[in-house]
C-alpha atoms as a PDB file:
ATOM      1  CA  UNK A   1    -158.221 199.636 -79.776  1.00  0.00           C
ATOM      2  CA  UNK A   2    -160.287 197.808 -82.341  1.00  0.00           C
ATOM      3  CA  UNK A   3    -159.132 195.223 -84.830  1.00  0.00           C
ATOM      4  CA  UNK A   4    -161.037 195.160 -88.070  1.00  0.00           C
ATOM      5  CA  UNK A   5    -160.529 192.419 -90.604  1.00  0.00           C
ATOM      6  CA  UNK A   6    -160.807 193.425 -94.210  1.00  0.00           C
ATOM      7  CA  UNK A   7    -160.421 191.186 -97.219  1.00  0.00           C
ATOM      8  CA  UNK A   8    -157.785 192.215 -99.691  1.00  0.00           C
ATOM      9  CA  UNK A   9    -157.693 190.818-103.202  1.00  0.00           C
ATOM     10  CA  UNK A  10    -154.286 190.608-104.833  1.00  0.00           C
ATOM     11  CA  UNK A  11    -154.062 189.861-108.532  1.00  0.00           C
ATOM     12  CA  UNK A  12    -150.824 188.658-110.057  1.00  0.00           C
ATOM     13  CA  UNK A  13    -149.490 186.581-112.928  1.00  0.00           C
ATOM     14  CA  UNK A  14    -147.748 183.350-111.997  1.00  0.00           C
ATOM     15  CA  UNK A  15    -144.806 181.708-113.750  1.00  0.00           C
ATOM     16  CA  UNK A  16    -147.097 179.845-116.164  1.00  0.00           C
ATOM     17  CA  UNK A  17    -148.644 183.106-117.293  1.00  0.00           C
ATOM     18  CA  UNK A  18    -151.931 182.468-115.553  1.00  0.00           C
ATOM     19  CA  UNK A  19    -153.792 185.109-113.631  1.00  0.00           C
ATOM     20  CA  UNK A  20    -154.038 184.325-109.952  1.00  0.00           C
ATOM     21  CA  UNK A  21    -156.307 186.146-107.530  1.00  0.00           C
ATOM     22  CA  UNK A  22    -155.148 185.865-103.962  1.00  0.00           C
ATOM     23  CA  UNK A  23    -157.596 186.652-101.198  1.00  0.00           C
ATOM     24  CA  UNK A  24    -155.974 187.520 -97.904  1.00  0.00           C
ATOM     25  CA  UNK A  25    -157.389 188.957 -94.738  1.00  0.00           C
ATOM     26  CA  UNK A  26    -155.589 191.956 -93.347  1.00  0.00           C
ATOM     27  CA  UNK A  27    -156.088 193.037 -89.780  1.00  0.00           C
ATOM     28  CA  UNK A  28    -156.650 196.758 -89.691  1.00  0.00           C
ATOM     29  CA  UNK A  29    -155.783 198.065 -86.252  1.00  0.00           C
ATOM     30  CA  UNK A  30    -157.333 201.342 -85.185  1.00  0.00           C
ATOM     31  CA  UNK A  31    -155.840 202.979 -82.130  1.00  0.00           C
END
């Protein structure tokens, strides 16, 4: 089993109408 971290960019509009880009790291587990 290997765990691979990949960076995921999430773009959304917040309550003030501004564009927010969220960068999160997702652990991709290969079995």
